[in-house]
C-alpha cells in the first residue's frame, strides 16, 4: 500500500464517512445479475480483470459502500446549484479520514493525515472538526479564506490533534456570479465549462507525496493556501475533491467522464466509480504514478485511498 507522508513528524494520508449504503441485496438472482453487469462494466472501462488483488465478490462488496447525497442550495448572490457527494473510505481501513460539508453558502472537503493513527489519534477527527467549523464560519457570511482561518483557530482552541489538507468554495455575498475558494495541500478544485477546463488548482507540495497540511506540528497555516476568485456561469460544473480523485484521474479523464452530465448525482457517481476503478488498476497510468516515476520511484498503477468528491452544477 502507498502512504502519503505526514509533514513535520505527523506519515500516510488517507475520508469522512457516513453509514454505508448497501445496494447489493441478498436475493440470489438480483445479486447474480448485478455481479454480471458491474463486472462487465469494470472490464470494459479498464481491462483489469487480471490485475486487481481482490476477488470480484470482494470488489462488489466494496462498491456497495458508495454513498451519494444530493442537495439543492440557493444563495443571496443570485446563484443556485445542485450538489452531490461521492464518499468512499480506503478499502483497508475501517473508516475513512476525509470529511466534507455542504451548506447554503458553499462546500468543502478535507483529507485527514493517517499517520496520526500511529500516535493513538483518530486521523479523521481533525478533518471533521475543521470542516464543521469552516461550514459554520462560511454560513456566518465570511469568505472561504477568512472562514478557514477562523475555523483553524477554533480547532486549536478545542485541542483536537491531527492535520489535513482542504479545499473550501463559496459564492460571494457581495458580487453576483462570483466563486471564491481557498485550497491547502493536494485537495483540489476543478471547474468545467461547456466540456472544457476553466480552472484546475495546482497541488501545494513540499516534496513528492508531502503536501502542505493544516494542524498540529505543521509548518503551514490557512494563510499559505491558494486563494481564488472567478466568475461562474449557468451550466458550470464545479468539482471539489481530495487526492483520492486527483491522484488517480488526469484532467482529461475527468472531462471525458462528466463533461456532459446534466445532474450532480450523475457526475459524482460516474466520477467516483472511475476513480475507484482506476485506483485498483495495477497497470493504469495515473497522476500519482507519473509523479512517482518523475521523482525516481518505481511505481505503477492507481493509488488506493479515501475518495471524496463534491460535484456542483450551477443552475441559475
C-alpha atoms as a PDB file:
ATOM      1  CA  UNK A   1       0.000   0.000   0.000  1.00  0.00           C
ATOM      2  CA  UNK A   2       1.080   3.554  -0.712  1.00  0.00           C
ATOM      3  CA  UNK A   3       1.027   6.143   2.046  1.00  0.00           C
ATOM      4  CA  UNK A   4       1.458   9.871   1.789  1.00  0.00           C
ATOM      5  CA  UNK A   5       3.970  11.357   4.144  1.00  0.00           C
ATOM      6  CA  UNK A   6       2.952  13.221   7.267  1.00  0.00           C
ATOM      7  CA  UNK A   7       4.798  16.518   7.318  1.00  0.00           C
ATOM      8  CA  UNK A   8       6.728  17.505  10.435  1.00  0.00           C
ATOM      9  CA  UNK A   9       6.569  14.241  12.363  1.00  0.00           C
ATOM     10  CA  UNK A  10       2.910  13.736  11.897  1.00  0.00           C
ATOM     11  CA  UNK A  11       3.164   9.750   7.711  1.00  0.00           C
ATOM     12  CA  UNK A  12       0.415   8.495   5.453  1.00  0.00           C
ATOM     13  CA  UNK A  13      -2.681  10.326   4.464  1.00  0.00           C
ATOM     14  CA  UNK A  14      -5.868   8.942   3.929  1.00  0.00           C
ATOM     15  CA  UNK A  15     -12.163  10.322   4.151  1.00  0.00           C
ATOM     16  CA  UNK A  16     -15.280  11.216   6.190  1.00  0.00           C
ATOM     17  CA  UNK A  17     -17.662   8.929   6.432  1.00  0.00           C
ATOM     18  CA  UNK A  18     -21.223   8.133   6.862  1.00  0.00           C
ATOM     19  CA  UNK A  19     -23.221   4.948   7.317  1.00  0.00           C
ATOM     20  CA  UNK A  20     -22.707   2.558   4.384  1.00  0.00           C
ATOM     21  CA  UNK A  21     -25.490   2.379   1.826  1.00  0.00           C
ATOM     22  CA  UNK A  22     -25.730  -1.286   0.781  1.00  0.00           C
ATOM     23  CA  UNK A  23     -27.217  -1.574  -2.675  1.00  0.00           C
ATOM     24  CA  UNK A  24     -26.482  -5.292  -3.245  1.00  0.00           C
ATOM     25  CA  UNK A  25     -29.419  -7.339  -1.964  1.00  0.00           C
ATOM     26  CA  UNK A  26     -29.493 -10.856  -0.577  1.00  0.00           C
ATOM     27  CA  UNK A  27     -31.813 -12.110  -3.313  1.00  0.00           C
ATOM     28  CA  UNK A  28     -29.676 -14.592  -5.342  1.00  0.00           C
ATOM     29  CA  UNK A  29     -30.996 -13.755  -8.807  1.00  0.00           C
ATOM     30  CA  UNK A  30     -30.668  -9.985  -8.359  1.00  0.00           C
ATOM     31  CA  UNK A  31     -27.204 -10.386  -6.896  1.00  0.00           C
ATOM     32  CA  UNK A  32     -26.155 -12.556  -9.833  1.00  0.00           C
ATOM     33  CA  UNK A  33     -27.444 -10.035 -12.387  1.00  0.00           C
ATOM     34  CA  UNK A  34     -25.770  -7.114 -10.596  1.00  0.00           C
ATOM     35  CA  UNK A  35     -22.497  -9.040 -10.361  1.00  0.00           C
ATOM     36  CA  UNK A  36     -22.513  -9.770 -14.095  1.00  0.00           C
ATOM     37  CA  UNK A  37     -23.431  -6.192 -15.033  1.00  0.00           C
ATOM     38  CA  UNK A  38     -20.864  -4.465 -12.828  1.00  0.00           C
ATOM     39  CA  UNK A  39     -18.121  -6.910 -13.768  1.00  0.00           C
ATOM     40  CA  UNK A  40     -18.771  -6.262 -17.474  1.00  0.00           C
ATOM     41  CA  UNK A  41     -18.646  -2.506 -16.984  1.00  0.00           C
ATOM     42  CA  UNK A  42     -15.409  -2.670 -14.990  1.00  0.00           C
ATOM     43  CA  UNK A  43     -13.768  -4.921 -17.576  1.00  0.00           C
ATOM     44  CA  UNK A  44     -14.779  -2.550 -20.357  1.00  0.00           C
ATOM     45  CA  UNK A  45     -13.527   0.557 -18.577  1.00  0.00           C
ATOM     46  CA  UNK A  46     -10.046  -0.557 -17.679  1.00  0.00           C
ATOM     47  CA  UNK A  47      -9.484  -4.165 -18.776  1.00  0.00           C
ATOM     48  CA  UNK A  48      -8.154  -5.040 -15.360  1.00  0.00           C
ATOM     49  CA  UNK A  49      -9.762  -8.371 -14.566  1.00  0.00           C
ATOM     50  CA  UNK A  50      -6.346  -9.981 -14.066  1.00  0.00           C
ATOM     51  CA  UNK A  51      -4.676  -7.028 -12.388  1.00  0.00           C
ATOM     52  CA  UNK A  52      -6.540  -6.415  -9.135  1.00  0.00           C
ATOM     53  CA  UNK A  53      -5.589  -8.049  -5.862  1.00  0.00           C
ATOM     54  CA  UNK A  54      -9.139  -8.770  -4.646  1.00  0.00           C
ATOM     55  CA  UNK A  55     -11.827 -11.099  -5.981  1.00  0.00           C
ATOM     56  CA  UNK A  56     -14.780  -9.662  -7.876  1.00  0.00           C
ATOM     57  CA  UNK A  57     -17.055 -10.514  -4.971  1.00  0.00           C
ATOM     58  CA  UNK A  58     -14.802  -8.528  -2.631  1.00  0.00           C
ATOM     59  CA  UNK A  59     -14.808  -5.656  -5.087  1.00  0.00           C
ATOM     60  CA  UNK A  60     -18.589  -5.686  -5.334  1.00  0.00           C
ATOM     61  CA  UNK A  61     -18.862  -5.631  -1.540  1.00  0.00           C
ATOM     62  CA  UNK A  62     -16.533  -2.653  -1.530  1.00  0.00           C
ATOM     63  CA  UNK A  63     -18.538  -0.925  -4.236  1.00  0.00           C
ATOM     64  CA  UNK A  64     -21.581  -1.381  -2.025  1.00  0.00           C
ATOM     65  CA  UNK A  65     -20.215   1.275   0.343  1.00  0.00           C
ATOM     66  CA  UNK A  66     -20.703   4.079  -2.182  1.00  0.00           C
ATOM     67  CA  UNK A  67     -22.794   6.931  -0.822  1.00  0.00           C
ATOM     68  CA  UNK A  68     -24.452   9.694  -2.830  1.00  0.00           C
ATOM     69  CA  UNK A  69     -26.001  12.657  -1.023  1.00  0.00           C
ATOM     70  CA  UNK A  70     -27.971  15.048  -3.262  1.00  0.00           C
ATOM     71  CA  UNK A  71     -28.645  18.575  -2.067  1.00  0.00           C
ATOM     72  CA  UNK A  72     -30.094  21.664  -3.728  1.00  0.00           C
ATOM     73  CA  UNK A  73     -28.903  25.012  -2.454  1.00  0.00           C
ATOM     74  CA  UNK A  74     -29.528  28.693  -3.244  1.00  0.00           C
ATOM     75  CA  UNK A  75     -27.651  31.881  -2.422  1.00  0.00           C
ATOM     76  CA  UNK A  76     -28.307  35.548  -1.729  1.00  0.00           C
ATOM     77  CA  UNK A  77     -25.863  36.264  -4.554  1.00  0.00           C
ATOM     78  CA  UNK A  78     -28.430  35.044  -7.064  1.00  0.00           C
ATOM     79  CA  UNK A  79     -26.600  31.762  -7.729  1.00  0.00           C
ATOM     80  CA  UNK A  80     -28.229  28.392  -7.148  1.00  0.00           C
ATOM     81  CA  UNK A  81     -26.810  24.926  -7.630  1.00  0.00           C
ATOM     82  CA  UNK A  82     -27.363  21.260  -7.014  1.00  0.00           C
ATOM     83  CA  UNK A  83     -24.645  19.306  -5.206  1.00  0.00           C
ATOM     84  CA  UNK A  84     -23.898  15.615  -4.715  1.00  0.00           C
ATOM     85  CA  UNK A  85     -21.177  13.770  -2.812  1.00  0.00           C
ATOM     86  CA  UNK A  86     -19.331  10.556  -3.588  1.00  0.00           C
ATOM     87  CA  UNK A  87     -17.717   9.404  -0.346  1.00  0.00           C
ATOM     88  CA  UNK A  88     -15.755   6.179  -0.037  1.00  0.00           C
ATOM     89  CA  UNK A  89     -13.104   5.101   2.514  1.00  0.00           C
ATOM     90  CA  UNK A  90      -9.860   3.297   1.765  1.00  0.00           C
ATOM     91  CA  UNK A  91     -10.668  -0.445   1.398  1.00  0.00           C
ATOM     92  CA  UNK A  92      -8.110  -1.475   4.022  1.00  0.00           C
ATOM     93  CA  UNK A  93      -9.377   0.933   6.688  1.00  0.00           C
ATOM     94  CA  UNK A  94     -12.439   0.501   8.818  1.00  0.00           C
ATOM     95  CA  UNK A  95     -13.409   4.117   8.414  1.00  0.00           C
ATOM     96  CA  UNK A  96     -12.058   6.892   6.276  1.00  0.00           C
ATOM     97  CA  UNK A  97     -10.208  10.033   7.183  1.00  0.00           C
ATOM     98  CA  UNK A  98     -11.775  12.526   4.750  1.00  0.00           C
ATOM     99  CA  UNK A  99     -14.524  14.949   5.698  1.00  0.00           C
ATOM    100  CA  UNK A 100     -16.847  17.305   3.839  1.00  0.00           C
ATOM    101  CA  UNK A 101     -19.667  19.797   4.310  1.00  0.00           C
ATOM    102  CA  UNK A 102     -22.405  21.310   2.139  1.00  0.00           C
ATOM    103  CA  UNK A 103     -24.451  24.295   3.273  1.00  0.00           C
ATOM    104  CA  UNK A 104     -26.346  27.231   1.791  1.00  0.00           C
ATOM    105  CA  UNK A 105     -23.099  29.183   1.224  1.00  0.00           C
ATOM    106  CA  UNK A 106     -20.784  26.579  -0.247  1.00  0.00           C
ATOM    107  CA  UNK A 107     -18.963  23.265   0.130  1.00  0.00           C
ATOM    108  CA  UNK A 108     -15.674  21.959   1.469  1.00  0.00           C
ATOM    109  CA  UNK A 109     -13.570  18.799   1.674  1.00  0.00           C
ATOM    110  CA  UNK A 110     -10.645  17.833   3.897  1.00  0.00           C
ATOM    111  CA  UNK A 111      -8.245  14.881   3.887  1.00  0.00           C
ATOM    112  CA  UNK A 112      -7.032  13.805   7.332  1.00  0.00           C
ATOM    113  CA  UNK A 113      -3.452  12.582   7.708  1.00  0.00           C
ATOM    114  CA  UNK A 114      -3.474   8.876   8.514  1.00  0.00           C
ATOM    115  CA  UNK A 115      -0.080   8.896  10.220  1.00  0.00           C
ATOM    116  CA  UNK A 116      -1.692  10.214  13.396  1.00  0.00           C
ATOM    117  CA  UNK A 117      -3.208   6.779  13.970  1.00  0.00           C
ATOM    118  CA  UNK A 118       0.261   5.566  14.975  1.00  0.00           C
ATOM    119  CA  UNK A 119       0.176   8.136  17.772  1.00  0.00           C
ATOM    120  CA  UNK A 120      -3.173   6.851  19.033  1.00  0.00           C
ATOM    121  CA  UNK A 121      -5.109   9.744  17.463  1.00  0.00           C
ATOM    122  CA  UNK A 122      -8.106   9.359  15.135  1.00  0.00           C
ATOM    123  CA  UNK A 123      -6.904  10.901  11.827  1.00  0.00           C
ATOM    124  CA  UNK A 124     -10.446  11.831  10.819  1.00  0.00           C
ATOM    125  CA  UNK A 125     -11.112  13.908  13.944  1.00  0.00           C
ATOM    126  CA  UNK A 126      -9.132  16.957  12.856  1.00  0.00           C
ATOM    127  CA  UNK A 127     -10.523  16.925   9.306  1.00  0.00           C
ATOM    128  CA  UNK A 128     -14.097  16.655  10.556  1.00  0.00           C
ATOM    129  CA  UNK A 129     -13.685  19.366  13.149  1.00  0.00           C
ATOM    130  CA  UNK A 130     -12.098  21.708  10.622  1.00  0.00           C
ATOM    131  CA  UNK A 131     -14.927  21.126   8.130  1.00  0.00           C
ATOM    132  CA  UNK A 132     -17.603  21.640  10.789  1.00  0.00           C
ATOM    133  CA  UNK A 133     -16.052  24.899  11.943  1.00  0.00           C
ATOM    134  CA  UNK A 134     -15.395  26.055   8.369  1.00  0.00           C
ATOM    135  CA  UNK A 135     -19.006  25.397   7.390  1.00  0.00           C
ATOM    136  CA  UNK A 136     -20.264  27.366  10.385  1.00  0.00           C
ATOM    137  CA  UNK A 137     -17.934  30.274   9.625  1.00  0.00           C
ATOM    138  CA  UNK A 138     -18.954  30.276   5.963  1.00  0.00           C
ATOM    139  CA  UNK A 139     -22.641  30.421   6.889  1.00  0.00           C
ATOM    140  CA  UNK A 140     -21.963  33.498   9.007  1.00  0.00           C
ATOM    141  CA  UNK A 141     -21.048  35.381   5.826  1.00  0.00           C
ATOM    142  CA  UNK A 142     -17.260  35.044   5.771  1.00  0.00           C
ATOM    143  CA  UNK A 143     -15.369  34.312   2.576  1.00  0.00           C
ATOM    144  CA  UNK A 144     -13.567  30.933   2.321  1.00  0.00           C
ATOM    145  CA  UNK A 145     -10.083  32.105   3.333  1.00  0.00           C
ATOM    146  CA  UNK A 146     -11.365  34.047   6.343  1.00  0.00           C
ATOM    147  CA  UNK A 147     -13.695  31.182   7.282  1.00  0.00           C
ATOM    148  CA  UNK A 148     -10.816  28.697   7.122  1.00  0.00           C
ATOM    149  CA  UNK A 149      -8.621  30.931   9.247  1.00  0.00           C
ATOM    150  CA  UNK A 150     -11.353  31.259  11.883  1.00  0.00           C
ATOM    151  CA  UNK A 151     -12.038  27.508  11.802  1.00  0.00           C
ATOM    152  CA  UNK A 152      -8.334  26.741  12.134  1.00  0.00           C
ATOM    153  CA  UNK A 153      -8.070  28.756  15.337  1.00  0.00           C
ATOM    154  CA  UNK A 154     -11.323  27.295  16.701  1.00  0.00           C
ATOM    155  CA  UNK A 155      -9.971  23.762  16.269  1.00  0.00           C
ATOM    156  CA  UNK A 156      -6.789  24.818  18.067  1.00  0.00           C
ATOM    157  CA  UNK A 157      -8.953  26.054  20.964  1.00  0.00           C
ATOM    158  CA  UNK A 158     -10.781  22.707  21.018  1.00  0.00           C
ATOM    159  CA  UNK A 159      -7.444  20.960  21.472  1.00  0.00           C
ATOM    160  CA  UNK A 160      -8.025  18.480  18.645  1.00  0.00           C
ATOM    161  CA  UNK A 161      -4.779  16.956  17.414  1.00  0.00           C
ATOM    162  CA  UNK A 162      -4.141  15.959  13.811  1.00  0.00           C
ATOM    163  CA  UNK A 163      -3.707  17.618  10.440  1.00  0.00           C
ATOM    164  CA  UNK A 164      -5.282  17.689   6.988  1.00  0.00           C
ATOM    165  CA  UNK A 165      -5.375  19.196   3.518  1.00  0.00           C
ATOM    166  CA  UNK A 166      -8.535  21.011   2.425  1.00  0.00           C
ATOM    167  CA  UNK A 167     -10.465  22.902  -0.245  1.00  0.00           C
ATOM    168  CA  UNK A 168     -13.382  25.249   0.501  1.00  0.00           C
ATOM    169  CA  UNK A 169     -15.528  27.153  -2.001  1.00  0.00           C
ATOM    170  CA  UNK A 170     -18.416  29.587  -1.696  1.00  0.00           C
ATOM    171  CA  UNK A 171     -20.357  32.040  -3.795  1.00  0.00           C
ATOM    172  CA  UNK A 172     -19.768  35.683  -2.978  1.00  0.00           C
ATOM    173  CA  UNK A 173     -22.384  37.530  -0.946  1.00  0.00           C
ATOM    174  CA  UNK A 174     -21.182  40.812  -2.440  1.00  0.00           C
ATOM    175  CA  UNK A 175     -20.682  40.091  -6.150  1.00  0.00           C
ATOM    176  CA  UNK A 176     -23.115  38.208  -8.371  1.00  0.00           C
ATOM    177  CA  UNK A 177     -21.915  35.040 -10.077  1.00  0.00           C
ATOM    178  CA  UNK A 178     -18.538  35.001  -8.329  1.00  0.00           C
ATOM    179  CA  UNK A 179     -16.994  31.851  -6.882  1.00  0.00           C
ATOM    180  CA  UNK A 180     -14.382  32.213  -4.132  1.00  0.00           C
ATOM    181  CA  UNK A 181     -12.090  29.447  -2.918  1.00  0.00           C
ATOM    182  CA  UNK A 182      -9.172  28.582  -0.659  1.00  0.00           C
ATOM    183  CA  UNK A 183      -7.069  25.444  -1.137  1.00  0.00           C
ATOM    184  CA  UNK A 184      -4.335  23.983   1.081  1.00  0.00           C
ATOM    185  CA  UNK A 185      -2.273  20.974   0.012  1.00  0.00           C
ATOM    186  CA  UNK A 186      -3.346  18.411  -2.575  1.00  0.00           C
ATOM    187  CA  UNK A 187      -7.092  18.551  -2.124  1.00  0.00           C
ATOM    188  CA  UNK A 188      -8.284  20.428  -5.174  1.00  0.00           C
ATOM    189  CA  UNK A 189     -10.778  22.294  -7.334  1.00  0.00           C
ATOM    190  CA  UNK A 190     -11.668  21.743 -10.990  1.00  0.00           C
ATOM    191  CA  UNK A 191     -14.219  23.873 -12.884  1.00  0.00           C
ATOM    192  CA  UNK A 192     -15.612  22.763 -16.249  1.00  0.00           C
ATOM    193  CA  UNK A 193     -17.488  24.936 -18.732  1.00  0.00           C
ATOM    194  CA  UNK A 194     -19.015  23.598 -21.930  1.00  0.00           C
ATOM    195  CA  UNK A 195     -16.996  20.413 -21.663  1.00  0.00           C
ATOM    196  CA  UNK A 196     -13.668  22.208 -21.229  1.00  0.00           C
ATOM    197  CA  UNK A 197     -11.475  23.060 -18.250  1.00  0.00           C
ATOM    198  CA  UNK A 198     -11.989  26.576 -16.956  1.00  0.00           C
ATOM    199  CA  UNK A 199      -9.732  26.199 -13.908  1.00  0.00           C
ATOM    200  CA  UNK A 200      -7.698  23.480 -12.154  1.00  0.00           C
ATOM    201  CA  UNK A 201      -5.971  24.218  -8.860  1.00  0.00           C
ATOM    202  CA  UNK A 202      -2.306  23.204  -8.544  1.00  0.00           C
ATOM    203  CA  UNK A 203      -1.189  20.932  -5.708  1.00  0.00           C
ATOM    204  CA  UNK A 204       0.812  22.552  -2.931  1.00  0.00           C
ATOM    205  CA  UNK A 205       3.690  20.193  -2.167  1.00  0.00           C
ATOM    206  CA  UNK A 206       6.842  20.449  -0.076  1.00  0.00           C
ATOM    207  CA  UNK A 207       8.182  17.445  -1.998  1.00  0.00           C
ATOM    208  CA  UNK A 208       6.746  14.379  -3.704  1.00  0.00           C
ATOM    209  CA  UNK A 209       3.848  12.979  -1.643  1.00  0.00           C
ATOM    210  CA  UNK A 210       4.361  15.657   1.018  1.00  0.00           C
ATOM    211  CA  UNK A 211       1.515  18.164   0.679  1.00  0.00           C
ATOM    212  CA  UNK A 212       1.006  21.302   2.709  1.00  0.00           C
ATOM    213  CA  UNK A 213      -1.064  20.477   5.799  1.00  0.00           C
ATOM    214  CA  UNK A 214      -3.005  22.400   8.406  1.00  0.00           C
ATOM    215  CA  UNK A 215      -2.835  21.314  12.016  1.00  0.00           C
ATOM    216  CA  UNK A 216      -0.608  20.260  14.866  1.00  0.00           C
ATOM    217  CA  UNK A 217       3.113  20.081  14.086  1.00  0.00           C
ATOM    218  CA  UNK A 218       2.550  21.623  10.646  1.00  0.00           C
ATOM    219  CA  UNK A 219       4.684  24.496   9.385  1.00  0.00           C
ATOM    220  CA  UNK A 220       1.800  25.798   7.267  1.00  0.00           C
ATOM    221  CA  UNK A 221      -1.393  27.686   8.057  1.00  0.00           C
ATOM    222  CA  UNK A 222      -4.524  28.933   6.274  1.00  0.00           C
ATOM    223  CA  UNK A 223      -2.561  31.978   5.135  1.00  0.00           C
ATOM    224  CA  UNK A 224      -0.429  29.707   2.939  1.00  0.00           C
ATOM    225  CA  UNK A 225      -3.422  28.487   0.939  1.00  0.00           C
ATOM    226  CA  UNK A 226      -4.230  29.312  -2.676  1.00  0.00           C
ATOM    227  CA  UNK A 227      -6.950  31.974  -2.815  1.00  0.00           C
ATOM    228  CA  UNK A 228      -9.159  32.222  -5.882  1.00  0.00           C
ATOM    229  CA  UNK A 229     -11.926  34.458  -7.226  1.00  0.00           C
ATOM    230  CA  UNK A 230     -13.537  33.515 -10.540  1.00  0.00           C
ATOM    231  CA  UNK A 231     -16.715  34.308 -12.475  1.00  0.00           C
ATOM    232  CA  UNK A 232     -19.071  31.380 -12.948  1.00  0.00           C
ATOM    233  CA  UNK A 233     -21.947  30.779 -15.374  1.00  0.00           C
ATOM    234  CA  UNK A 234     -25.063  28.645 -15.553  1.00  0.00           C
ATOM    235  CA  UNK A 235     -24.081  25.103 -16.502  1.00  0.00           C
ATOM    236  CA  UNK A 236     -20.587  25.247 -14.991  1.00  0.00           C
ATOM    237  CA  UNK A 237     -19.572  22.011 -13.247  1.00  0.00           C
ATOM    238  CA  UNK A 238     -17.606  22.641 -10.049  1.00  0.00           C
ATOM    239  CA  UNK A 239     -15.685  19.645  -8.673  1.00  0.00           C
ATOM    240  CA  UNK A 240     -14.063  19.703  -5.236  1.00  0.00           C
ATOM    241  CA  UNK A 241     -12.146  16.598  -4.189  1.00  0.00           C
ATOM    242  CA  UNK A 242      -9.430  15.023  -2.099  1.00  0.00           C
ATOM    243  CA  UNK A 243      -6.343  13.400  -3.580  1.00  0.00           C
ATOM    244  CA  UNK A 244      -8.181  10.095  -3.904  1.00  0.00           C
ATOM    245  CA  UNK A 245      -9.662  11.717  -7.002  1.00  0.00           C
ATOM    246  CA  UNK A 246      -6.781  13.796  -8.320  1.00  0.00           C
ATOM    247  CA  UNK A 247      -4.060  11.166  -7.717  1.00  0.00           C
ATOM    248  CA  UNK A 248      -5.950   8.677  -9.872  1.00  0.00           C
ATOM    249  CA  UNK A 249      -7.505  10.701 -12.688  1.00  0.00           C
ATOM    250  CA  UNK A 250      -5.939  13.145 -15.113  1.00  0.00           C
ATOM    251  CA  UNK A 251      -7.881  16.294 -16.002  1.00  0.00           C
ATOM    252  CA  UNK A 252      -8.849  14.892 -19.418  1.00  0.00           C
ATOM    253  CA  UNK A 253     -10.206  11.739 -17.718  1.00  0.00           C
ATOM    254  CA  UNK A 254     -12.480  13.896 -15.586  1.00  0.00           C
ATOM    255  CA  UNK A 255     -13.644  15.981 -18.538  1.00  0.00           C
ATOM    256  CA  UNK A 256     -14.440  12.894 -20.606  1.00  0.00           C
ATOM    257  CA  UNK A 257     -16.276  11.336 -17.678  1.00  0.00           C
ATOM    258  CA  UNK A 258     -18.534  14.185 -16.546  1.00  0.00           C
ATOM    259  CA  UNK A 259     -18.267  16.972 -19.134  1.00  0.00           C
ATOM    260  CA  UNK A 260     -21.766  16.386 -20.460  1.00  0.00           C
ATOM    261  CA  UNK A 261     -23.520  15.304 -17.241  1.00  0.00           C
ATOM    262  CA  UNK A 262     -26.769  17.110 -16.504  1.00  0.00           C
ATOM    263  CA  UNK A 263     -27.068  16.379 -12.791  1.00  0.00           C
ATOM    264  CA  UNK A 264     -24.571  16.453  -9.918  1.00  0.00           C
ATOM    265  CA  UNK A 265     -25.713  12.983  -8.819  1.00  0.00           C
ATOM    266  CA  UNK A 266     -24.834  11.517 -12.210  1.00  0.00           C
ATOM    267  CA  UNK A 267     -21.497  13.341 -12.336  1.00  0.00           C
ATOM    268  CA  UNK A 268     -20.457  12.388  -8.799  1.00  0.00           C
ATOM    269  CA  UNK A 269     -21.420   8.747  -9.301  1.00  0.00           C
ATOM    270  CA  UNK A 270     -19.624   8.352 -12.655  1.00  0.00           C
ATOM    271  CA  UNK A 271     -16.545  10.198 -11.449  1.00  0.00           C
ATOM    272  CA  UNK A 272     -16.343   8.236  -8.208  1.00  0.00           C
ATOM    273  CA  UNK A 273     -16.716   4.903  -9.975  1.00  0.00           C
ATOM    274  CA  UNK A 274     -13.985   5.796 -12.467  1.00  0.00           C
ATOM    275  CA  UNK A 275     -11.605   6.971  -9.729  1.00  0.00           C
ATOM    276  CA  UNK A 276     -12.246   3.757  -7.793  1.00  0.00           C
ATOM    277  CA  UNK A 277     -11.728   1.512 -10.811  1.00  0.00           C
ATOM    278  CA  UNK A 278      -8.501   3.298 -11.693  1.00  0.00           C
ATOM    279  CA  UNK A 279      -7.247   3.066  -8.107  1.00  0.00           C
ATOM    280  CA  UNK A 280      -7.465  -0.743  -8.337  1.00  0.00           C
ATOM    281  CA  UNK A 281      -5.746  -0.938 -11.735  1.00  0.00           C
ATOM    282  CA  UNK A 282      -2.110  -2.006 -11.358  1.00  0.00           C
ATOM    283  CA  UNK A 283      -1.275  -1.035 -14.938  1.00  0.00           C
ATOM    284  CA  UNK A 284      -3.019   2.341 -15.096  1.00  0.00           C
ATOM    285  CA  UNK A 285      -1.028   5.454 -15.889  1.00  0.00           C
ATOM    286  CA  UNK A 286      -2.135   7.939 -13.257  1.00  0.00           C
ATOM    287  CA  UNK A 287      -1.066  11.363 -11.996  1.00  0.00           C
ATOM    288  CA  UNK A 288       0.383   9.646  -8.907  1.00  0.00           C
ATOM    289  CA  UNK A 289       2.357   7.018 -10.835  1.00  0.00           C
ATOM    290  CA  UNK A 290       3.596   9.677 -13.256  1.00  0.00           C
ATOM    291  CA  UNK A 291       4.774  11.899 -10.378  1.00  0.00           C
ATOM    292  CA  UNK A 292       6.352   8.954  -8.554  1.00  0.00           C
ATOM    293  CA  UNK A 293       8.385   7.926 -11.588  1.00  0.00           C
ATOM    294  CA  UNK A 294       9.384  11.530 -12.247  1.00  0.00           C
ATOM    295  CA  UNK A 295      10.811  11.536  -8.717  1.00  0.00           C
ATOM    296  CA  UNK A 296      12.808   8.354  -9.197  1.00  0.00           C
ATOM    297  CA  UNK A 297      10.307   5.994  -7.551  1.00  0.00           C
ATOM    298  CA  UNK A 298       9.354   2.627  -9.000  1.00  0.00           C
ATOM    299  CA  UNK A 299       5.582   2.807  -9.012  1.00  0.00           C
ATOM    300  CA  UNK A 300       2.890   1.787 -11.472  1.00  0.00           C
ATOM    301  CA  UNK A 301      -0.876   1.837 -11.412  1.00  0.00           C
ATOM    302  CA  UNK A 302      -3.575   3.536  -9.380  1.00  0.00           C
ATOM    303  CA  UNK A 303      -3.414   4.557  -5.742  1.00  0.00           C
ATOM    304  CA  UNK A 304      -5.862   3.158  -3.205  1.00  0.00           C
ATOM    305  CA  UNK A 305      -7.060   5.911  -0.909  1.00  0.00           C
ATOM    306  CA  UNK A 306     -10.127   7.525   0.577  1.00  0.00           C
ATOM    307  CA  UNK A 307     -12.107   9.215  -2.203  1.00  0.00           C
ATOM    308  CA  UNK A 308     -14.288  12.254  -1.534  1.00  0.00           C
ATOM    309  CA  UNK A 309     -15.817  14.193  -4.422  1.00  0.00           C
ATOM    310  CA  UNK A 310     -18.363  17.001  -4.200  1.00  0.00           C
ATOM    311  CA  UNK A 311     -19.854  17.932  -7.569  1.00  0.00           C
ATOM    312  CA  UNK A 312     -21.919  21.087  -8.001  1.00  0.00           C
ATOM    313  CA  UNK A 313     -23.663  22.246 -11.174  1.00  0.00           C
ATOM    314  CA  UNK A 314     -24.682  25.909 -11.422  1.00  0.00           C
ATOM    315  CA  UNK A 315     -28.379  26.017 -12.314  1.00  0.00           C
ATOM    316  CA  UNK A 316     -29.286  29.714 -12.202  1.00  0.00           C
END
